């Protein structure tokens, strides 16, 4: 039920996000959306990796450590926002990536007590409220002026993060700051998410370098749609955080495999339907075909997101790091090799690489264990 409520709020926010995508393409053009997609990819390479040590430990450490590390998490976000603000006139990709990274870290710092308690619906609710506020501000500007620009629209888009930073500061700055674990663990958790972020978004930047903004816009749109649907897998896995923590990471305390597979099948089918429908519309054929191919990625990534939640609570940090880092050159190499096929080639590369990642996670979780998860606590 928590997952269903999370889905309700999640897709309210995702729907608003997709509406913003349509507004950018319709009012500013697909090339500007390509620029926006690359800036968003830059955010993904900055924010989630730096936030990962805090996010992982928030769901599995003691209350005292959690509260102290949350303060440091907030201060990190504030620093990134300040750095982004200083680069507004220097580089669009740099300022947007840094400012949004900082804003999201601050927002996650506040939401972390809900994630810790296995309440994804509350996390999704606040995400949706923030998304609605951001898009309302940016869309108001786009439709209010005769010649809107991506730069100014993006400034309106990120404005709510400034308000969030002030409000959250009053909530979290009541404890002494603390580091999220020893340096080795921090490096592992940052490296894991950096590998994952580069795996999921590095192809957008590489494709932009090898092709042009229009093709990047096509591919970035397929990624936006699929990741929006994949988020239900993250919520489903998150709803088991408390039971997995109390159960020592045992699979019996986590998401049922049958439910996970059904969820993946439904997620992939939704994207497939979107792609097939696009074939019979004026949408570019390259975009429609890429969307159909990415439906396979969507299904697999949804399942992988659930598996990843279990691996977090089993403290298999090195396993995730090695899997993400080892597959990064495979995926980027395939993107470079298939770049001649544009967005379709990038979609094929993504599906192949994600099939390998899913196979690795499934093997790690469901092979006959030689040790118990409790014995894996300090991997």
Protein backbone atom coordinates (compact mmCIF):
# COMPACT_ATOMS: atom_id res chain seq x y z
CA UNK A 1 0.00 0.00 0.00
CA UNK A 2 2.89 2.36 0.73
CA UNK A 3 4.22 1.64 -2.75
CA UNK A 4 0.83 2.34 -4.34
CA UNK A 5 0.55 5.69 -2.55
CA UNK A 6 4.13 6.44 -3.57
CA UNK A 7 3.21 5.68 -7.18
CA UNK A 8 0.24 8.02 -6.94
CA UNK A 9 2.42 10.92 -5.83
CA UNK A 10 5.39 9.86 -7.91
CA UNK A 11 3.56 9.96 -11.20
CA UNK A 12 1.86 13.19 -10.31
CA UNK A 13 5.33 14.71 -10.10
CA UNK A 14 6.65 12.77 -13.07
CA UNK A 15 3.64 13.83 -15.11
CA UNK A 16 4.41 17.46 -14.33
CA UNK A 17 8.04 16.81 -15.27
CA UNK A 18 6.99 15.35 -18.61
CA UNK A 19 4.73 18.35 -19.14
CA UNK A 20 7.78 20.56 -18.65
CA UNK A 21 9.58 18.48 -21.25
CA UNK A 22 6.76 19.12 -23.72
CA UNK A 23 6.83 22.85 -22.93
CA UNK A 24 10.58 23.08 -23.55
CA UNK A 25 10.34 21.25 -26.87
CA UNK A 26 7.25 23.19 -28.03
CA UNK A 27 8.31 26.67 -26.90
CA UNK A 28 12.12 26.54 -27.05
CA UNK A 29 12.87 23.69 -29.49
CA UNK A 30 14.41 20.23 -29.44
CA UNK A 31 17.95 21.64 -29.57
CA UNK A 32 17.37 23.58 -26.34
CA UNK A 33 15.96 20.40 -24.84
CA UNK A 34 19.19 18.70 -25.86
CA UNK A 35 21.10 21.39 -23.92
CA UNK A 36 18.79 20.90 -20.96
CA UNK A 37 19.30 17.13 -21.18
CA UNK A 38 23.09 17.55 -21.03
CA UNK A 39 22.79 19.93 -18.06
CA UNK A 40 20.60 17.41 -16.29
CA UNK A 41 23.16 14.72 -17.06
CA UNK A 42 25.79 16.95 -15.43
CA UNK A 43 23.61 17.16 -12.31
CA UNK A 44 23.38 13.36 -12.27
CA UNK A 45 27.16 13.09 -12.35
CA UNK A 46 27.56 15.52 -9.42
CA UNK A 47 24.67 15.25 -6.97
CA UNK A 48 23.79 11.55 -6.60
CA UNK A 49 27.43 10.38 -6.24
CA UNK A 50 28.22 12.93 -3.51
CA UNK A 51 24.91 12.20 -1.78
CA UNK A 52 25.15 8.41 -1.96
CA UNK A 53 27.18 7.84 1.26
CA UNK A 54 24.54 9.78 3.20
CA UNK A 55 21.60 8.11 1.43
CA UNK A 56 22.90 4.57 1.96
CA UNK A 57 23.84 5.05 5.60
CA UNK A 58 20.62 6.90 6.42
CA UNK A 59 18.62 3.67 6.06
CA UNK A 60 20.97 1.37 7.96
CA UNK A 61 22.84 3.27 10.72
CA UNK A 62 21.80 4.27 14.26
CA UNK A 63 19.56 7.27 14.92
CA UNK A 64 22.41 9.29 16.45
CA UNK A 65 24.69 8.78 13.46
CA UNK A 66 21.84 9.48 11.09
CA UNK A 67 21.07 12.87 12.65
CA UNK A 68 24.71 13.98 12.70
CA UNK A 69 25.37 12.89 9.12
CA UNK A 70 22.21 14.67 7.98
CA UNK A 71 23.72 17.99 9.07
CA UNK A 72 26.81 17.39 6.92
CA UNK A 73 24.54 16.36 4.06
CA UNK A 74 22.72 19.69 4.28
CA UNK A 75 25.96 21.72 4.39
CA UNK A 76 27.26 19.87 1.33
CA UNK A 77 24.11 20.73 -0.59
CA UNK A 78 24.35 24.37 0.42
CA UNK A 79 27.95 24.53 -0.81
CA UNK A 80 27.02 23.10 -4.21
CA UNK A 81 24.15 25.55 -4.59
CA UNK A 82 26.50 28.46 -3.87
CA UNK A 83 29.01 27.16 -6.42
CA UNK A 84 26.28 26.87 -9.03
CA UNK A 85 25.03 30.40 -8.37
CA UNK A 86 28.57 31.72 -8.90
CA UNK A 87 28.72 30.13 -12.37
CA UNK A 88 25.40 31.38 -13.77
CA UNK A 89 27.11 33.71 -16.24
CA UNK A 90 29.92 31.26 -17.05
CA UNK A 91 28.39 27.96 -18.19
CA UNK A 92 24.78 26.83 -18.41
CA UNK A 93 25.60 23.15 -17.98
CA UNK A 94 27.90 23.82 -15.02
CA UNK A 95 25.66 26.17 -13.05
CA UNK A 96 22.52 24.14 -13.59
CA UNK A 97 24.22 20.87 -12.70
CA UNK A 98 25.75 22.23 -9.49
CA UNK A 99 22.71 24.19 -8.29
CA UNK A 100 20.24 21.36 -8.86
CA UNK A 101 22.67 18.87 -7.31
CA UNK A 102 22.86 20.99 -4.16
CA UNK A 103 19.12 21.59 -4.03
CA UNK A 104 18.34 17.90 -4.38
CA UNK A 105 20.83 16.95 -1.67
CA UNK A 106 19.19 19.41 0.72
CA UNK A 107 15.73 18.09 -0.17
CA UNK A 108 16.90 14.49 0.33
CA UNK A 109 18.39 15.46 3.70
CA UNK A 110 14.92 16.45 4.87
CA UNK A 111 13.23 13.42 3.30
CA UNK A 112 15.77 10.98 4.71
CA UNK A 113 13.83 10.27 7.93
CA UNK A 114 10.92 9.05 5.80
CA UNK A 115 13.19 6.91 3.63
CA UNK A 116 14.72 5.48 6.80
CA UNK A 117 11.28 4.44 8.06
CA UNK A 118 10.26 2.84 4.74
CA UNK A 119 7.72 5.50 3.76
CA UNK A 120 8.32 6.16 0.04
CA UNK A 121 4.89 7.76 -0.29
CA UNK A 122 5.99 10.73 1.86
CA UNK A 123 9.22 11.08 -0.10
CA UNK A 124 7.30 11.06 -3.38
CA UNK A 125 4.73 13.53 -2.06
CA UNK A 126 7.34 16.16 -1.25
CA UNK A 127 9.13 15.53 -4.56
CA UNK A 128 5.85 16.18 -6.36
CA UNK A 129 5.17 19.40 -4.47
CA UNK A 130 8.65 20.67 -5.34
CA UNK A 131 8.24 19.62 -8.98
CA UNK A 132 4.89 21.37 -9.33
CA UNK A 133 6.28 24.56 -7.81
CA UNK A 134 9.34 24.53 -10.09
CA UNK A 135 7.42 23.87 -13.30
CA UNK A 136 4.75 26.43 -12.41
CA UNK A 137 7.40 29.13 -11.99
CA UNK A 138 9.27 28.21 -15.18
CA UNK A 139 6.18 27.70 -17.34
CA UNK A 140 4.75 31.01 -16.15
CA UNK A 141 7.86 32.75 -17.46
CA UNK A 142 7.93 30.82 -20.77
CA UNK A 143 4.34 31.70 -21.62
CA UNK A 144 4.47 35.25 -20.26
CA UNK A 145 7.24 36.62 -22.51
CA UNK A 146 7.54 36.83 -26.27
CA UNK A 147 11.05 35.46 -26.62
CA UNK A 148 11.86 33.15 -23.67
CA UNK A 149 15.34 31.70 -23.23
CA UNK A 150 16.45 28.42 -21.69
CA UNK A 151 18.78 30.23 -19.29
CA UNK A 152 16.09 32.37 -17.67
CA UNK A 153 13.52 29.56 -17.72
CA UNK A 154 15.99 27.37 -15.84
CA UNK A 155 16.53 30.09 -13.23
CA UNK A 156 12.81 30.10 -12.53
CA UNK A 157 12.84 26.28 -12.51
CA UNK A 158 15.42 26.05 -9.72
CA UNK A 159 14.11 28.97 -7.63
CA UNK A 160 12.12 26.73 -5.20
CA UNK A 161 15.38 25.07 -4.11
CA UNK A 162 16.45 28.36 -2.52
CA UNK A 163 13.29 28.42 -0.40
CA UNK A 164 13.76 24.75 0.52
CA UNK A 165 17.34 25.42 1.64
CA UNK A 166 16.17 28.05 4.14
CA UNK A 167 13.31 25.95 5.54
CA UNK A 168 15.32 22.74 5.86
CA UNK A 169 18.15 24.58 7.60
CA UNK A 170 15.88 25.29 10.58
CA UNK A 171 15.00 21.58 10.80
CA UNK A 172 18.33 19.81 10.46
CA UNK A 173 20.88 22.21 11.99
CA UNK A 174 20.26 21.06 15.54
CA UNK A 175 23.09 18.56 15.87
CA UNK A 176 26.83 18.41 15.39
CA UNK A 177 27.87 17.39 11.86
CA UNK A 178 29.34 13.94 11.29
CA UNK A 179 31.06 12.19 8.39
CA UNK A 180 29.17 9.38 6.62
CA UNK A 181 31.58 6.63 7.61
CA UNK A 182 35.33 6.11 7.23
CA UNK A 183 37.13 7.47 4.14
CA UNK A 184 37.33 4.05 2.44
CA UNK A 185 33.58 3.50 2.71
CA UNK A 186 32.85 7.05 1.53
CA UNK A 187 35.08 6.48 -1.52
CA UNK A 188 33.32 3.19 -2.30
CA UNK A 189 29.84 4.68 -2.05
CA UNK A 190 30.73 7.78 -4.09
CA UNK A 191 32.47 5.63 -6.68
CA UNK A 192 29.49 3.30 -6.90
CA UNK A 193 27.01 6.08 -7.60
CA UNK A 194 29.43 7.94 -9.86
CA UNK A 195 29.74 4.79 -11.91
CA UNK A 196 25.96 4.41 -11.95
CA UNK A 197 25.40 8.07 -12.85
CA UNK A 198 27.97 7.90 -15.62
CA UNK A 199 26.37 4.65 -16.72
CA UNK A 200 22.90 6.22 -16.88
CA UNK A 201 23.76 9.76 -18.06
CA UNK A 202 27.28 9.63 -19.50
CA UNK A 203 25.85 8.30 -22.74
CA UNK A 204 23.81 11.51 -23.12
CA UNK A 205 26.95 13.65 -22.90
CA UNK A 206 28.91 11.29 -25.17
CA UNK A 207 26.12 11.24 -27.75
CA UNK A 208 26.02 15.04 -27.67
CA UNK A 209 29.74 15.14 -28.40
CA UNK A 210 29.53 12.58 -31.22
CA UNK A 211 26.31 13.80 -32.88
CA UNK A 212 24.21 16.97 -32.37
CA UNK A 213 21.71 18.54 -29.98
CA UNK A 214 18.68 17.25 -31.90
CA UNK A 215 19.69 13.58 -31.67
CA UNK A 216 20.61 14.09 -28.02
CA UNK A 217 17.14 15.57 -27.53
CA UNK A 218 15.53 12.44 -29.00
CA UNK A 219 17.54 10.08 -26.81
CA UNK A 220 17.25 12.26 -23.68
CA UNK A 221 13.46 12.20 -24.12
CA UNK A 222 13.43 8.38 -24.13
CA UNK A 223 15.60 8.37 -21.00
CA UNK A 224 13.27 10.86 -19.29
CA UNK A 225 10.20 8.72 -19.99
CA UNK A 226 11.81 5.43 -18.94
CA UNK A 227 13.44 6.76 -15.78
CA UNK A 228 10.11 8.30 -14.77
CA UNK A 229 8.53 4.84 -14.87
CA UNK A 230 11.53 3.06 -13.35
CA UNK A 231 11.09 5.18 -10.22
CA UNK A 232 8.25 2.88 -9.13
CA UNK A 233 10.84 0.14 -8.65
CA UNK A 234 12.86 2.42 -6.39
CA UNK A 235 9.76 3.16 -4.30
CA UNK A 236 8.85 -0.52 -4.08
CA UNK A 237 12.33 -1.42 -2.88
CA UNK A 238 12.39 1.51 -0.43
CA UNK A 239 9.17 0.33 1.24
CA UNK A 240 11.14 -2.66 2.58
CA UNK A 241 13.98 -0.62 4.13
CA UNK A 242 12.86 -1.11 7.72
CA UNK A 243 12.05 -4.82 7.40
CA UNK A 244 15.35 -5.51 5.62
CA UNK A 245 17.31 -3.55 8.25
CA UNK A 246 15.59 -5.44 11.08
CA UNK A 247 15.94 -8.74 9.20
CA UNK A 248 19.69 -8.42 8.70
CA UNK A 249 19.35 -8.12 4.92
CA UNK A 250 17.76 -11.57 4.48
CA UNK A 251 15.91 -11.97 1.16
CA UNK A 252 12.88 -13.28 3.04
CA UNK A 253 12.55 -9.84 4.67
CA UNK A 254 12.67 -8.02 1.33
CA UNK A 255 10.52 -7.59 -1.78
CA UNK A 256 9.03 -10.84 -3.17
CA UNK A 257 10.72 -11.87 -6.42
CA UNK A 258 7.41 -12.56 -8.18
CA UNK A 259 6.11 -9.08 -7.41
CA UNK A 260 9.40 -7.56 -8.58
CA UNK A 261 9.24 -9.37 -11.92
CA UNK A 262 5.60 -8.41 -12.47
CA UNK A 263 6.44 -4.79 -11.70
CA UNK A 264 9.26 -4.88 -14.26
CA UNK A 265 6.98 -6.38 -16.90
CA UNK A 266 4.31 -3.73 -16.38
CA UNK A 267 6.87 -0.91 -16.46
CA UNK A 268 8.39 -2.12 -19.72
CA UNK A 269 4.95 -2.57 -21.30
CA UNK A 270 4.01 1.05 -20.56
CA UNK A 271 7.03 2.38 -22.47
CA UNK A 272 6.40 -0.10 -25.29
CA UNK A 273 2.86 1.23 -25.67
CA UNK A 274 4.17 4.81 -25.82
CA UNK A 275 6.65 3.88 -28.54
CA UNK A 276 4.14 1.98 -30.65
CA UNK A 277 1.63 4.82 -30.45
CA UNK A 278 4.34 7.26 -31.55
CA UNK A 279 4.83 5.25 -34.74
CA UNK A 280 1.36 6.37 -35.83
CA UNK A 281 1.88 10.04 -34.98
CA UNK A 282 3.92 12.80 -36.65
CA UNK A 283 6.72 12.13 -34.13
CA UNK A 284 10.13 11.40 -35.76
CA UNK A 285 10.48 7.68 -36.52
CA UNK A 286 13.93 7.60 -34.91
CA UNK A 287 12.37 8.75 -31.65
CA UNK A 288 9.56 6.19 -31.80
CA UNK A 289 11.90 3.26 -32.56
CA UNK A 290 14.29 4.32 -29.79
CA UNK A 291 11.35 4.46 -27.36
CA UNK A 292 10.29 0.92 -28.29
CA UNK A 293 13.82 -0.37 -27.73
CA UNK A 294 14.07 1.48 -24.41
CA UNK A 295 10.97 -0.35 -23.16
CA UNK A 296 13.23 -3.37 -22.60
CA UNK A 297 15.62 -1.17 -20.62
CA UNK A 298 12.72 0.16 -18.55
CA UNK A 299 11.58 -3.32 -17.52
CA UNK A 300 15.09 -4.47 -16.62
CA UNK A 301 16.03 -1.26 -14.81
CA UNK A 302 12.87 -1.45 -12.69
CA UNK A 303 13.86 -4.93 -11.50
CA UNK A 304 17.46 -3.84 -10.97
CA UNK A 305 16.29 -0.91 -8.80
CA UNK A 306 14.51 -3.32 -6.47
CA UNK A 307 17.55 -5.63 -6.34
CA UNK A 308 19.75 -2.64 -5.56
CA UNK A 309 17.62 -1.72 -2.52
CA UNK A 310 18.25 -5.20 -1.11
CA UNK A 311 21.99 -4.96 -1.78
CA UNK A 312 22.10 -1.65 0.11
CA UNK A 313 20.74 -3.26 3.26
CA UNK A 314 23.02 -6.28 2.82
CA UNK A 315 25.94 -3.81 2.83
CA UNK A 316 27.29 -5.18 -0.43
CA UNK A 317 28.79 -1.84 -1.32
CA UNK A 318 31.87 -3.18 -3.10
CA UNK A 319 29.71 -5.49 -5.21
CA UNK A 320 27.64 -2.60 -6.52
CA UNK A 321 30.74 -0.48 -7.11
CA UNK A 322 32.48 -3.16 -9.17
CA UNK A 323 29.34 -3.92 -11.19
CA UNK A 324 28.68 -0.28 -12.11
CA UNK A 325 32.28 0.65 -12.84
CA UNK A 326 33.03 -2.47 -14.90
CA UNK A 327 30.00 -1.96 -17.16
CA UNK A 328 30.61 1.75 -17.75
CA UNK A 329 33.26 1.31 -20.49
CA UNK A 330 31.11 -1.42 -22.06
CA UNK A 331 28.11 0.89 -22.39
CA UNK A 332 30.03 3.98 -23.50
CA UNK A 333 32.00 1.90 -25.98
CA UNK A 334 28.77 0.57 -27.46
CA UNK A 335 27.31 4.10 -27.63
CA UNK A 336 30.38 5.31 -29.52
CA UNK A 337 30.27 2.29 -31.84
CA UNK A 338 26.55 2.70 -32.58
CA UNK A 339 26.48 6.53 -32.64
CA UNK A 340 26.04 6.41 -36.40
CA UNK A 341 22.52 5.12 -35.72
CA UNK A 342 21.76 8.13 -33.53
CA UNK A 343 19.21 7.73 -30.73
CA UNK A 344 18.39 4.19 -31.87
CA UNK A 345 22.02 3.13 -31.54
CA UNK A 346 22.26 4.64 -28.05
CA UNK A 347 19.09 2.81 -27.03
CA UNK A 348 20.49 -0.52 -28.25
CA UNK A 349 23.71 0.09 -26.31
CA UNK A 350 21.72 0.86 -23.17
CA UNK A 351 19.65 -2.33 -23.41
CA UNK A 352 22.72 -4.56 -23.89
CA UNK A 353 24.59 -3.02 -20.96
CA UNK A 354 21.59 -3.14 -18.63
CA UNK A 355 20.97 -6.79 -19.42
CA UNK A 356 24.49 -7.51 -18.17
CA UNK A 357 23.90 -5.46 -15.00
CA UNK A 358 20.64 -7.27 -14.25
CA UNK A 359 22.36 -10.62 -14.73
CA UNK A 360 25.11 -9.64 -12.27
CA UNK A 361 22.68 -8.48 -9.58
CA UNK A 362 20.47 -11.55 -9.99
CA UNK A 363 23.48 -13.85 -9.67
CA UNK A 364 24.77 -12.08 -6.57
CA UNK A 365 21.39 -12.17 -4.82
CA UNK A 366 20.02 -15.55 -5.82
CA UNK A 367 23.02 -17.84 -6.19
CA UNK A 368 23.36 -20.46 -3.47
CA UNK A 369 24.99 -18.52 -0.60
CA UNK A 370 28.17 -19.72 1.08
CA UNK A 371 27.77 -17.09 3.82
CA UNK A 372 24.78 -15.37 5.41
CA UNK A 373 24.05 -11.66 4.88
CA UNK A 374 24.98 -11.08 8.53
CA UNK A 375 28.46 -12.43 7.77
CA UNK A 376 28.66 -10.00 4.85
CA UNK A 377 28.10 -6.92 7.05
CA UNK A 378 31.69 -5.72 6.60
CA UNK A 379 32.22 -6.74 3.00
